[in-house]
PDB file of N, CA and C in Angstrom:
ATOM      1  N   MET A   1      39.620  45.887  48.066  1.00  0.00           N
ATOM      2  CA  MET A   1      40.504  45.251  47.651  1.00  0.00           C
ATOM      3  C   MET A   1      41.214  46.181  46.595  1.00  0.00           C
ATOM      4  N   LEU A   2      42.615  45.888  46.516  1.00  0.00           N
ATOM      5  CA  LEU A   2      43.463  46.529  45.663  1.00  0.00           C
ATOM      6  C   LEU A   2      43.994  45.453  44.476  1.00  0.00           C
ATOM      7  N   ILE A   3      43.978  46.266  43.172  1.00  0.00           N
ATOM      8  CA  ILE A   3      44.399  45.270  42.204  1.00  0.00           C
ATOM      9  C   ILE A   3      45.727  46.170  41.481  1.00  0.00           C
ATOM     10  N   GLN A   4      46.541  45.462  40.828  1.00  0.00           N
ATOM     11  CA  GLN A   4      47.530  46.143  40.049  1.00  0.00           C
ATOM     12  C   GLN A   4      46.950  46.344  38.416  1.00  0.00           C
ATOM     13  N   ARG A   5      47.158  47.494  38.079  1.00  0.00           N
ATOM     14  CA  ARG A   5      46.230  47.800  36.983  1.00  0.00           C
ATOM     15  C   ARG A   5      47.695  48.693  35.896  1.00  0.00           C
ATOM     16  N   PHE A   6      47.543  48.435  34.681  1.00  0.00           N
ATOM     17  CA  PHE A   6      48.116  49.107  33.509  1.00  0.00           C
ATOM     18  C   PHE A   6      47.617  50.369  33.689  1.00  0.00           C
ATOM     19  N   LYS A   7      48.942  51.378  34.082  1.00  0.00           N
ATOM     20  CA  LYS A   7      49.131  52.659  34.371  1.00  0.00           C
ATOM     21  C   LYS A   7      49.247  53.638  33.073  1.00  0.00           C
ATOM     22  N   SER A   8      50.522  53.164  32.573  1.00  0.00           N
ATOM     23  CA  SER A   8      51.082  54.056  31.525  1.00  0.00           C
ATOM     24  C   SER A   8      51.802  53.141  30.418  1.00  0.00           C
ATOM     25  N   LYS A   9      51.687  53.403  29.514  1.00  0.00           N
ATOM     26  CA  LYS A   9      52.519  52.832  28.316  1.00  0.00           C
ATOM     27  C   LYS A   9      53.353  53.941  27.246  1.00  0.00           C
ATOM     28  N   ILE A  10      54.543  53.749  26.970  1.00  0.00           N
ATOM     29  CA  ILE A  10      55.060  54.234  25.713  1.00  0.00           C
ATOM     30  C   ILE A  10      55.255  53.006  24.758  1.00  0.00           C
ATOM     31  N   HIS A  11      54.465  53.277  23.811  1.00  0.00           N
ATOM     32  CA  HIS A  11      54.346  52.114  22.785  1.00  0.00           C
ATOM     33  C   HIS A  11      55.131  52.165  21.486  1.00  0.00           C
ATOM     34  N   ARG A  12      56.022  51.345  21.455  1.00  0.00           N
ATOM     35  CA  ARG A  12      56.886  51.185  20.269  1.00  0.00           C
ATOM     36  C   ARG A  12      57.975  52.376  20.240  1.00  0.00           C
ATOM     37  N   VAL A  13      59.079  52.463  21.205  1.00  0.00           N
ATOM     38  CA  VAL A  13      60.086  53.495  21.155  1.00  0.00           C
ATOM     39  C   VAL A  13      61.202  52.568  20.716  1.00  0.00           C
ATOM     40  N   LYS A  14      62.475  53.363  20.108  1.00  0.00           N
ATOM     41  CA  LYS A  14      63.280  52.293  19.681  1.00  0.00           C
ATOM     42  C   LYS A  14      64.655  52.759  20.642  1.00  0.00           C
ATOM     43  N   VAL A  15      65.373  51.723  20.842  1.00  0.00           N
ATOM     44  CA  VAL A  15      66.394  51.718  21.816  1.00  0.00           C
ATOM     45  C   VAL A  15      67.564  52.433  21.114  1.00  0.00           C
ATOM     46  N   THR A  16      68.305  53.427  21.733  1.00  0.00           N
ATOM     47  CA  THR A  16      68.983  54.315  20.949  1.00  0.00           C
ATOM     48  C   THR A  16      70.506  53.894  21.742  1.00  0.00           C
ATOM     49  N   GLU A  17      70.592  53.250  22.517  1.00  0.00           N
ATOM     50  CA  GLU A  17      71.634  52.942  23.440  1.00  0.00           C
ATOM     51  C   GLU A  17      71.641  51.741  24.412  1.00  0.00           C
ATOM     52  N   ALA A  18      72.471  50.838  24.596  1.00  0.00           N
ATOM     53  CA  ALA A  18      72.675  49.849  25.436  1.00  0.00           C
ATOM     54  C   ALA A  18      73.948  50.049  26.319  1.00  0.00           C
ATOM     55  N   ASN A  19      73.975  50.332  27.665  1.00  0.00           N
ATOM     56  CA  ASN A  19      75.332  50.488  28.426  1.00  0.00           C
ATOM     57  C   ASN A  19      75.441  49.282  29.493  1.00  0.00           C
ATOM     58  N   LEU A  20      76.392  48.383  29.101  1.00  0.00           N
ATOM     59  CA  LEU A  20      76.388  47.139  29.971  1.00  0.00           C
ATOM     60  C   LEU A  20      77.290  47.806  31.316  1.00  0.00           C
ATOM     61  N   ASN A  21      77.991  48.521  31.212  1.00  0.00           N
ATOM     62  CA  ASN A  21      78.619  48.968  32.502  1.00  0.00           C
ATOM     63  C   ASN A  21      78.190  50.045  33.238  1.00  0.00           C
ATOM     64  N   TYR A  22      76.964  50.320  33.108  1.00  0.00           N
ATOM     65  CA  TYR A  22      76.132  51.103  34.324  1.00  0.00           C
ATOM     66  C   TYR A  22      75.531  50.465  35.004  1.00  0.00           C
ATOM     67  N   ILE A  23      74.986  50.664  36.391  1.00  0.00           N
ATOM     68  CA  ILE A  23      74.810  50.242  37.361  1.00  0.00           C
ATOM     69  C   ILE A  23      73.466  49.770  36.917  1.00  0.00           C
ATOM     70  N   GLY A  24      72.390  49.789  36.546  1.00  0.00           N
ATOM     71  CA  GLY A  24      71.338  49.395  35.753  1.00  0.00           C
ATOM     72  C   GLY A  24      70.075  50.133  35.745  1.00  0.00           C
ATOM     73  N   SER A  25      68.994  49.777  34.998  1.00  0.00           N
ATOM     74  CA  SER A  25      67.953  50.409  35.068  1.00  0.00           C
ATOM     75  C   SER A  25      67.566  50.871  33.464  1.00  0.00           C
ATOM     76  N   ILE A  26      66.590  51.719  33.272  1.00  0.00           N
ATOM     77  CA  ILE A  26      66.415  52.357  31.620  1.00  0.00           C
ATOM     78  C   ILE A  26      66.359  53.772  31.793  1.00  0.00           C
ATOM     79  N   THR A  27      66.942  54.477  30.867  1.00  0.00           N
ATOM     80  CA  THR A  27      67.028  55.726  30.733  1.00  0.00           C
ATOM     81  C   THR A  27      66.166  56.386  29.955  1.00  0.00           C
ATOM     82  N   ILE A  28      65.212  57.178  30.067  1.00  0.00           N
ATOM     83  CA  ILE A  28      64.219  57.655  29.176  1.00  0.00           C
ATOM     84  C   ILE A  28      64.098  58.977  29.026  1.00  0.00           C
ATOM     85  N   ASP A  29      63.857  59.562  27.838  1.00  0.00           N
ATOM     86  CA  ASP A  29      63.654  61.004  27.633  1.00  0.00           C
ATOM     87  C   ASP A  29      62.826  61.550  28.506  1.00  0.00           C
ATOM     88  N   GLU A  30      62.982  62.850  29.035  1.00  0.00           N
ATOM     89  CA  GLU A  30      62.242  63.248  30.134  1.00  0.00           C
ATOM     90  C   GLU A  30      60.698  63.725  29.318  1.00  0.00           C
ATOM     91  N   ASP A  31      60.634  64.275  27.950  1.00  0.00           N
ATOM     92  CA  ASP A  31      59.558  64.390  27.329  1.00  0.00           C
ATOM     93  C   ASP A  31      58.675  63.425  27.361  1.00  0.00           C
ATOM     94  N   LEU A  32      59.046  62.088  27.055  1.00  0.00           N
ATOM     95  CA  LEU A  32      58.561  60.748  27.086  1.00  0.00           C
ATOM     96  C   LEU A  32      57.736  60.622  28.467  1.00  0.00           C
ATOM     97  N   LEU A  33      58.470  60.622  29.323  1.00  0.00           N
ATOM     98  CA  LEU A  33      58.103  60.094  30.650  1.00  0.00           C
ATOM     99  C   LEU A  33      56.945  61.339  31.033  1.00  0.00           C
ATOM    100  N   ASP A  34      56.909  62.655  30.889  1.00  0.00           N
ATOM    101  CA  ASP A  34      56.017  63.547  31.006  1.00  0.00           C
ATOM    102  C   ASP A  34      54.613  63.192  30.670  1.00  0.00           C
ATOM    103  N   ALA A  35      54.860  62.797  29.201  1.00  0.00           N
ATOM    104  CA  ALA A  35      53.732  62.276  28.229  1.00  0.00           C
ATOM    105  C   ALA A  35      52.901  61.196  29.071  1.00  0.00           C
ATOM    106  N   ALA A  36      53.643  60.082  29.314  1.00  0.00           N
ATOM    107  CA  ALA A  36      53.355  59.021  29.578  1.00  0.00           C
ATOM    108  C   ALA A  36      52.987  58.943  31.321  1.00  0.00           C
ATOM    109  N   ASN A  37      53.165  60.178  31.784  1.00  0.00           N
ATOM    110  CA  ASN A  37      52.761  60.157  33.650  1.00  0.00           C
ATOM    111  C   ASN A  37      53.827  59.060  34.295  1.00  0.00           C
ATOM    112  N   LEU A  38      55.081  58.671  33.569  1.00  0.00           N
ATOM    113  CA  LEU A  38      55.947  58.226  34.652  1.00  0.00           C
ATOM    114  C   LEU A  38      57.044  58.985  35.186  1.00  0.00           C
ATOM    115  N   ILE A  39      57.620  58.551  36.362  1.00  0.00           N
ATOM    116  CA  ILE A  39      58.504  59.509  36.894  1.00  0.00           C
ATOM    117  C   ILE A  39      59.860  58.440  37.355  1.00  0.00           C
ATOM    118  N   GLU A  40      60.952  59.291  37.386  1.00  0.00           N
ATOM    119  CA  GLU A  40      62.303  58.664  37.580  1.00  0.00           C
ATOM    120  C   GLU A  40      62.328  57.908  39.176  1.00  0.00           C
ATOM    121  N   GLY A  41      62.801  56.615  39.016  1.00  0.00           N
ATOM    122  CA  GLY A  41      62.578  55.704  40.017  1.00  0.00           C
ATOM    123  C   GLY A  41      61.355  54.737  40.108  1.00  0.00           C
ATOM    124  N   GLU A  42      60.278  55.143  39.112  1.00  0.00           N
ATOM    125  CA  GLU A  42      59.354  54.054  38.831  1.00  0.00           C
ATOM    126  C   GLU A  42      59.468  52.679  38.158  1.00  0.00           C
ATOM    127  N   CYS A  43      59.300  51.540  38.873  1.00  0.00           N
ATOM    128  CA  CYS A  43      59.112  50.478  38.024  1.00  0.00           C
ATOM    129  C   CYS A  43      58.485  49.993  36.907  1.00  0.00           C
ATOM    130  N   VAL A  44      59.079  49.639  35.836  1.00  0.00           N
ATOM    131  CA  VAL A  44      58.477  49.349  34.807  1.00  0.00           C
ATOM    132  C   VAL A  44      58.934  48.270  33.840  1.00  0.00           C
ATOM    133  N   GLN A  45      57.677  47.755  33.337  1.00  0.00           N
ATOM    134  CA  GLN A  45      58.216  46.572  32.253  1.00  0.00           C
ATOM    135  C   GLN A  45      58.520  46.917  31.161  1.00  0.00           C
ATOM    136  N   ILE A  46      59.527  46.193  30.294  1.00  0.00           N
ATOM    137  CA  ILE A  46      60.079  46.395  29.223  1.00  0.00           C
ATOM    138  C   ILE A  46      59.617  45.308  28.290  1.00  0.00           C
ATOM    139  N   VAL A  47      59.174  45.363  27.206  1.00  0.00           N
ATOM    140  CA  VAL A  47      58.865  44.302  26.545  1.00  0.00           C
ATOM    141  C   VAL A  47      59.445  44.750  24.872  1.00  0.00           C
ATOM    142  N   ASN A  48      60.306  43.739  24.633  1.00  0.00           N
ATOM    143  CA  ASN A  48      61.340  43.770  23.458  1.00  0.00           C
ATOM    144  C   ASN A  48      60.644  42.991  22.229  1.00  0.00           C
ATOM    145  N   ASN A  49      60.048  44.039  21.228  1.00  0.00           N
ATOM    146  CA  ASN A  49      59.078  43.260  20.140  1.00  0.00           C
ATOM    147  C   ASN A  49      60.280  42.620  19.436  1.00  0.00           C
ATOM    148  N   ASN A  50      61.407  42.856  19.311  1.00  0.00           N
ATOM    149  CA  ASN A  50      62.204  42.255  18.244  1.00  0.00           C
ATOM    150  C   ASN A  50      62.722  40.480  18.584  1.00  0.00           C
ATOM    151  N   ASN A  51      62.809  40.544  19.960  1.00  0.00           N
ATOM    152  CA  ASN A  51      63.137  39.438  20.214  1.00  0.00           C
ATOM    153  C   ASN A  51      62.000  38.753  21.524  1.00  0.00           C
ATOM    154  N   GLY A  52      61.156  39.245  21.997  1.00  0.00           N
ATOM    155  CA  GLY A  52      60.126  38.687  22.766  1.00  0.00           C
ATOM    156  C   GLY A  52      60.549  38.751  24.432  1.00  0.00           C
ATOM    157  N   GLU A  53      61.726  39.499  24.726  1.00  0.00           N
ATOM    158  CA  GLU A  53      62.185  39.479  26.063  1.00  0.00           C
ATOM    159  C   GLU A  53      61.399  40.314  26.602  1.00  0.00           C
ATOM    160  N   ARG A  54      61.008  40.268  27.885  1.00  0.00           N
ATOM    161  CA  ARG A  54      60.396  40.903  28.787  1.00  0.00           C
ATOM    162  C   ARG A  54      61.194  41.036  30.444  1.00  0.00           C
ATOM    163  N   LEU A  55      61.206  42.250  30.628  1.00  0.00           N
ATOM    164  CA  LEU A  55      62.015  42.553  31.892  1.00  0.00           C
ATOM    165  C   LEU A  55      61.609  43.615  32.852  1.00  0.00           C
ATOM    166  N   GLU A  56      62.027  43.878  34.064  1.00  0.00           N
ATOM    167  CA  GLU A  56      61.532  44.837  34.892  1.00  0.00           C
ATOM    168  C   GLU A  56      62.756  45.429  35.204  1.00  0.00           C
ATOM    169  N   THR A  57      62.353  46.780  35.435  1.00  0.00           N
ATOM    170  CA  THR A  57      63.579  47.556  35.798  1.00  0.00           C
ATOM    171  C   THR A  57      62.786  48.854  36.452  1.00  0.00           C
ATOM    172  N   TYR A  58      63.643  50.007  36.708  1.00  0.00           N
ATOM    173  CA  TYR A  58      63.376  51.179  37.236  1.00  0.00           C
ATOM    174  C   TYR A  58      63.829  52.220  36.398  1.00  0.00           C
ATOM    175  N   ILE A  59      63.212  53.680  36.493  1.00  0.00           N
ATOM    176  CA  ILE A  59      63.622  54.596  35.306  1.00  0.00           C
ATOM    177  C   ILE A  59      64.296  55.641  35.538  1.00  0.00           C
ATOM    178  N   ILE A  60      65.433  56.045  34.933  1.00  0.00           N
ATOM    179  CA  ILE A  60      66.208  57.169  35.169  1.00  0.00           C
ATOM    180  C   ILE A  60      65.792  58.357  34.136  1.00  0.00           C
ATOM    181  N   LYS A  61      65.815  59.368  34.947  1.00  0.00           N
ATOM    182  CA  LYS A  61      65.218  60.635  33.568  1.00  0.00           C
ATOM    183  C   LYS A  61      66.601  60.709  32.835  1.00  0.00           C
ATOM    184  N   GLY A  62      66.044  60.805  31.402  1.00  0.00           N
ATOM    185  CA  GLY A  62      67.216  61.036  30.303  1.00  0.00           C
ATOM    186  C   GLY A  62      66.891  62.562  30.074  1.00  0.00           C
ATOM    187  N   GLU A  63      67.982  63.152  29.164  1.00  0.00           N
ATOM    188  CA  GLU A  63      67.646  64.671  28.939  1.00  0.00           C
ATOM    189  C   GLU A  63      66.405  64.833  27.655  1.00  0.00           C
ATOM    190  N   ARG A  64      65.809  66.028  28.173  1.00  0.00           N
ATOM    191  CA  ARG A  64      64.668  66.462  27.777  1.00  0.00           C
ATOM    192  C   ARG A  64      64.851  66.504  26.202  1.00  0.00           C
ATOM    193  N   GLY A  65      64.014  65.962  25.217  1.00  0.00           N
ATOM    194  CA  GLY A  65      64.408  66.167  23.638  1.00  0.00           C
ATOM    195  C   GLY A  65      65.231  65.339  23.258  1.00  0.00           C
ATOM    196  N   SER A  66      65.959  64.613  23.847  1.00  0.00           N
ATOM    197  CA  SER A  66      66.925  63.564  23.362  1.00  0.00           C
ATOM    198  C   SER A  66      66.596  62.689  22.666  1.00  0.00           C
ATOM    199  N   GLY A  67      65.372  62.023  22.599  1.00  0.00           N
ATOM    200  CA  GLY A  67      64.804  61.117  22.357  1.00  0.00           C
ATOM    201  C   GLY A  67      65.284  59.486  22.825  1.00  0.00           C
ATOM    202  N   MET A  68      66.198  59.754  24.008  1.00  0.00           N
ATOM    203  CA  MET A  68      66.970  58.775  24.393  1.00  0.00           C
ATOM    204  C   MET A  68      66.010  57.246  25.244  1.00  0.00           C
ATOM    205  N   ILE A  69      66.469  56.168  24.448  1.00  0.00           N
ATOM    206  CA  ILE A  69      66.013  54.955  25.195  1.00  0.00           C
ATOM    207  C   ILE A  69      67.339  54.171  25.821  1.00  0.00           C
ATOM    208  N   CYS A  70      67.537  54.086  26.676  1.00  0.00           N
ATOM    209  CA  CYS A  70      69.003  53.436  27.148  1.00  0.00           C
ATOM    210  C   CYS A  70      68.915  52.580  28.113  1.00  0.00           C
ATOM    211  N   LEU A  71      69.081  51.176  27.559  1.00  0.00           N
ATOM    212  CA  LEU A  71      69.028  50.092  28.810  1.00  0.00           C
ATOM    213  C   LEU A  71      70.460  50.057  29.165  1.00  0.00           C
ATOM    214  N   ASN A  72      70.283  50.078  30.667  1.00  0.00           N
ATOM    215  CA  ASN A  72      71.693  49.990  31.536  1.00  0.00           C
ATOM    216  C   ASN A  72      71.857  48.437  32.033  1.00  0.00           C
ATOM    217  N   GLY A  73      73.160  48.538  32.367  1.00  0.00           N
ATOM    218  CA  GLY A  73      73.215  47.336  33.375  1.00  0.00           C
ATOM    219  C   GLY A  73      73.175  45.753  32.562  1.00  0.00           C
ATOM    220  N   ALA A  74      72.703  44.615  33.270  1.00  0.00           N
ATOM    221  CA  ALA A  74      72.598  43.693  32.664  1.00  0.00           C
ATOM    222  C   ALA A  74      71.413  43.620  31.868  1.00  0.00           C
ATOM    223  N   ALA A  75      70.085  44.743  31.822  1.00  0.00           N
ATOM    224  CA  ALA A  75      69.221  44.646  30.814  1.00  0.00           C
ATOM    225  C   ALA A  75      69.687  44.950  29.288  1.00  0.00           C
ATOM    226  N   ALA A  76      71.075  45.705  29.493  1.00  0.00           N
ATOM    227  CA  ALA A  76      71.475  45.753  28.087  1.00  0.00           C
ATOM    228  C   ALA A  76      71.991  44.665  27.364  1.00  0.00           C
ATOM    229  N   ARG A  77      71.958  43.378  27.992  1.00  0.00           N
ATOM    230  CA  ARG A  77      72.371  42.525  27.288  1.00  0.00           C
ATOM    231  C   ARG A  77      70.942  41.728  26.657  1.00  0.00           C
ATOM    232  N   ARG A  78      69.940  42.257  26.645  1.00  0.00           N
ATOM    233  CA  ARG A  78      68.659  41.839  26.314  1.00  0.00           C
ATOM    234  C   ARG A  78      67.963  42.571  25.183  1.00  0.00           C
ATOM    235  N   VAL A  79      68.714  43.638  24.748  1.00  0.00           N
ATOM    236  CA  VAL A  79      68.261  44.445  23.629  1.00  0.00           C
ATOM    237  C   VAL A  79      69.553  44.848  22.967  1.00  0.00           C
ATOM    238  N   GLN A  80      69.021  45.333  21.546  1.00  0.00           N
ATOM    239  CA  GLN A  80      70.185  45.739  20.657  1.00  0.00           C
ATOM    240  C   GLN A  80      69.885  47.122  20.014  1.00  0.00           C
ATOM    241  N   VAL A  81      70.724  48.054  19.992  1.00  0.00           N
ATOM    242  CA  VAL A  81      70.345  49.188  19.408  1.00  0.00           C
ATOM    243  C   VAL A  81      69.696  49.129  18.190  1.00  0.00           C
ATOM    244  N   GLY A  82      68.231  49.731  18.275  1.00  0.00           N
ATOM    245  CA  GLY A  82      67.115  49.895  17.002  1.00  0.00           C
ATOM    246  C   GLY A  82      66.195  48.713  17.344  1.00  0.00           C
ATOM    247  N   ASP A  83      66.240  47.998  18.091  1.00  0.00           N
ATOM    248  CA  ASP A  83      65.035  47.242  18.829  1.00  0.00           C
ATOM    249  C   ASP A  83      63.825  48.147  19.295  1.00  0.00           C
ATOM    250  N   ILE A  84      62.844  47.739  18.941  1.00  0.00           N
ATOM    251  CA  ILE A  84      61.302  48.375  19.288  1.00  0.00           C
ATOM    252  C   ILE A  84      60.854  47.976  20.722  1.00  0.00           C
ATOM    253  N   LEU A  85      60.828  48.653  21.643  1.00  0.00           N
ATOM    254  CA  LEU A  85      59.996  48.319  23.108  1.00  0.00           C
ATOM    255  C   LEU A  85      58.931  49.132  23.264  1.00  0.00           C
ATOM    256  N   ILE A  86      57.993  48.304  24.072  1.00  0.00           N
ATOM    257  CA  ILE A  86      56.913  48.771  24.737  1.00  0.00           C
ATOM    258  C   ILE A  86      57.431  49.193  26.078  1.00  0.00           C
ATOM    259  N   ILE A  87      56.849  50.281  26.879  1.00  0.00           N
ATOM    260  CA  ILE A  87      57.389  50.539  28.142  1.00  0.00           C
ATOM    261  C   ILE A  87      56.272  50.585  29.024  1.00  0.00           C
ATOM    262  N   ILE A  88      55.846  49.783  29.711  1.00  0.00           N
ATOM    263  CA  ILE A  88      54.768  49.856  30.972  1.00  0.00           C
ATOM    264  C   ILE A  88      54.903  50.289  32.112  1.00  0.00           C
ATOM    265  N   GLY A  89      54.016  50.937  32.860  1.00  0.00           N
ATOM    266  CA  GLY A  89      53.973  51.342  34.107  1.00  0.00           C
ATOM    267  C   GLY A  89      52.583  50.602  34.745  1.00  0.00           C
ATOM    268  N   TYR A  90      52.803  50.428  35.805  1.00  0.00           N
ATOM    269  CA  TYR A  90      51.331  49.779  36.534  1.00  0.00           C
ATOM    270  C   TYR A  90      51.142  50.624  37.666  1.00  0.00           C
ATOM    271  N   ALA A  91      49.851  50.562  38.469  1.00  0.00           N
ATOM    272  CA  ALA A  91      49.796  51.140  39.773  1.00  0.00           C
ATOM    273  C   ALA A  91      48.680  50.244  40.397  1.00  0.00           C
ATOM    274  N   TRP A  92      48.946  50.240  41.647  1.00  0.00           N
ATOM    275  CA  TRP A  92      47.856  49.785  42.549  1.00  0.00           C
ATOM    276  C   TRP A  92      46.803  50.629  42.733  1.00  0.00           C
ATOM    277  N   MET A  93      45.458  50.185  42.542  1.00  0.00           N
ATOM    278  CA  MET A  93      44.414  50.927  43.019  1.00  0.00           C
ATOM    279  C   MET A  93      43.241  50.159  43.715  1.00  0.00           C
ATOM    280  N   ASP A  94      42.342  50.876  44.142  1.00  0.00           N
ATOM    281  CA  ASP A  94      41.089  50.209  44.424  1.00  0.00           C
ATOM    282  C   ASP A  94      40.350  49.732  43.120  1.00  0.00           C
ATOM    283  N   PHE A  95      39.520  48.385  43.331  1.00  0.00           N
ATOM    284  CA  PHE A  95      39.028  47.773  42.437  1.00  0.00           C
ATOM    285  C   PHE A  95      37.983  48.530  41.555  1.00  0.00           C
ATOM    286  N   GLU A  96      37.154  49.211  42.511  1.00  0.00           N
ATOM    287  CA  GLU A  96      36.214  50.050  41.873  1.00  0.00           C
ATOM    288  C   GLU A  96      36.846  51.157  41.010  1.00  0.00           C
ATOM    289  N   GLU A  97      37.690  52.010  41.506  1.00  0.00           N
ATOM    290  CA  GLU A  97      38.606  52.850  40.714  1.00  0.00           C
ATOM    291  C   GLU A  97      39.249  52.405  39.217  1.00  0.00           C
ATOM    292  N   ALA A  98      39.668  50.958  39.704  1.00  0.00           N
ATOM    293  CA  ALA A  98      40.276  50.251  38.613  1.00  0.00           C
ATOM    294  C   ALA A  98      39.396  50.074  37.113  1.00  0.00           C
ATOM    295  N   LYS A  99      38.007  50.194  37.526  1.00  0.00           N
ATOM    296  CA  LYS A  99      37.290  49.904  36.439  1.00  0.00           C
ATOM    297  C   LYS A  99      36.967  50.959  35.478  1.00  0.00           C
ATOM    298  N   THR A 100      37.264  52.133  35.965  1.00  0.00           N
ATOM    299  CA  THR A 100      37.028  53.667  34.968  1.00  0.00           C
ATOM    300  C   THR A 100      38.112  54.274  34.924  1.00  0.00           C
ATOM    301  N   PHE A 101      39.376  53.721  35.508  1.00  0.00           N
ATOM    302  CA  PHE A 101      40.434  54.366  35.247  1.00  0.00           C
ATOM    303  C   PHE A 101      40.983  54.521  33.757  1.00  0.00           C
ATOM    304  N   LYS A 102      41.319  55.625  33.283  1.00  0.00           N
ATOM    305  CA  LYS A 102      41.984  55.694  31.839  1.00  0.00           C
ATOM    306  C   LYS A 102      43.438  56.006  32.002  1.00  0.00           C
ATOM    307  N   PRO A 103      44.494  54.827  31.175  1.00  0.00           N
ATOM    308  CA  PRO A 103      45.565  55.100  31.362  1.00  0.00           C
ATOM    309  C   PRO A 103      46.298  56.128  30.173  1.00  0.00           C
ATOM    310  N   TRP A 104      47.617  56.372  30.577  1.00  0.00           N
ATOM    311  CA  TRP A 104      48.195  57.507  29.625  1.00  0.00           C
ATOM    312  C   TRP A 104      48.870  56.401  28.533  1.00  0.00           C
ATOM    313  N   ILE A 105      48.600  56.690  27.213  1.00  0.00           N
ATOM    314  CA  ILE A 105      49.421  55.731  26.505  1.00  0.00           C
ATOM    315  C   ILE A 105      49.832  56.908  25.352  1.00  0.00           C
ATOM    316  N   VAL A 106      51.192  56.604  25.170  1.00  0.00           N
ATOM    317  CA  VAL A 106      52.284  57.534  24.389  1.00  0.00           C
ATOM    318  C   VAL A 106      52.719  57.045  23.024  1.00  0.00           C
ATOM    319  N   PHE A 107      52.356  57.304  21.800  1.00  0.00           N
ATOM    320  CA  PHE A 107      52.587  56.830  20.530  1.00  0.00           C
ATOM    321  C   PHE A 107      53.743  57.718  19.734  1.00  0.00           C
ATOM    322  N   PRO A 108      55.211  57.582  20.115  1.00  0.00           N
ATOM    323  CA  PRO A 108      56.224  58.408  19.684  1.00  0.00           C
ATOM    324  C   PRO A 108      56.273  58.150  18.014  1.00  0.00           C
ATOM    325  N   ASP A 109      56.956  59.093  17.709  1.00  0.00           N
ATOM    326  CA  ASP A 109      57.389  58.914  16.149  1.00  0.00           C
ATOM    327  C   ASP A 109      58.658  57.861  16.286  1.00  0.00           C
ATOM    328  N   GLU A 110      59.419  57.944  14.909  1.00  0.00           N
ATOM    329  CA  GLU A 110      60.269  56.830  14.526  1.00  0.00           C
ATOM    330  C   GLU A 110      61.614  57.448  15.342  1.00  0.00           C
ATOM    331  N   ASN A 111      61.771  58.940  15.864  1.00  0.00           N
ATOM    332  CA  ASN A 111      62.958  59.154  16.595  1.00  0.00           C
ATOM    333  C   ASN A 111      62.340  59.348  18.366  1.00  0.00           C
ATOM    334  N   ASN A 112      61.675  58.499  18.562  1.00  0.00           N
ATOM    335  CA  ASN A 112      61.148  58.452  19.844  1.00  0.00           C
ATOM    336  C   ASN A 112      60.703  59.940  20.159  1.00  0.00           C
ATOM    337  N   ARG A 113      60.230  60.864  19.583  1.00  0.00           N
ATOM    338  CA  ARG A 113      59.685  61.997  19.849  1.00  0.00           C
ATOM    339  C   ARG A 113      58.348  61.819  20.041  1.00  0.00           C
ATOM    340  N   ILE A 114      57.403  62.997  20.850  1.00  0.00           N
ATOM    341  CA  ILE A 114      56.126  62.808  20.899  1.00  0.00           C
ATOM    342  C   ILE A 114      55.402  63.489  19.609  1.00  0.00           C
ATOM    343  N   VAL A 115      54.310  62.630  19.192  1.00  0.00           N
ATOM    344  CA  VAL A 115      53.777  63.274  17.954  1.00  0.00           C
ATOM    345  C   VAL A 115      52.659  64.064  18.541  1.00  0.00           C
ATOM    346  N   LYS A 116      52.523  65.140  18.071  1.00  0.00           N
ATOM    347  CA  LYS A 116      51.056  66.274  18.197  1.00  0.00           C
ATOM    348  C   LYS A 116      50.374  66.474  17.420  1.00  0.00           C
TER     349      LYS A 116
END
């Protein structure tokens, strides 16, 4: 049996841009992607702590070290610059593997940078 399990989380990042006229997705700083074990094109759930909105989209790789968190296309209507988000990736895995799996969790600073 396979189950879908929480795999990766970027906890409490700040929206830096919302671009309604882009095709769609979320652009995320490549440093954050690496730290959270997320990849370009991966499906993620976005949770907006400011307004309770939840949505699903895919990742576009943003400039490394930029701190960029940009909601694109229709998703741009569901955020405001400065909103705090949680970005969650999931994976399908065997039930037994899922019991012991350890997810990647990233806690960026107020500028969306990796805290070391």
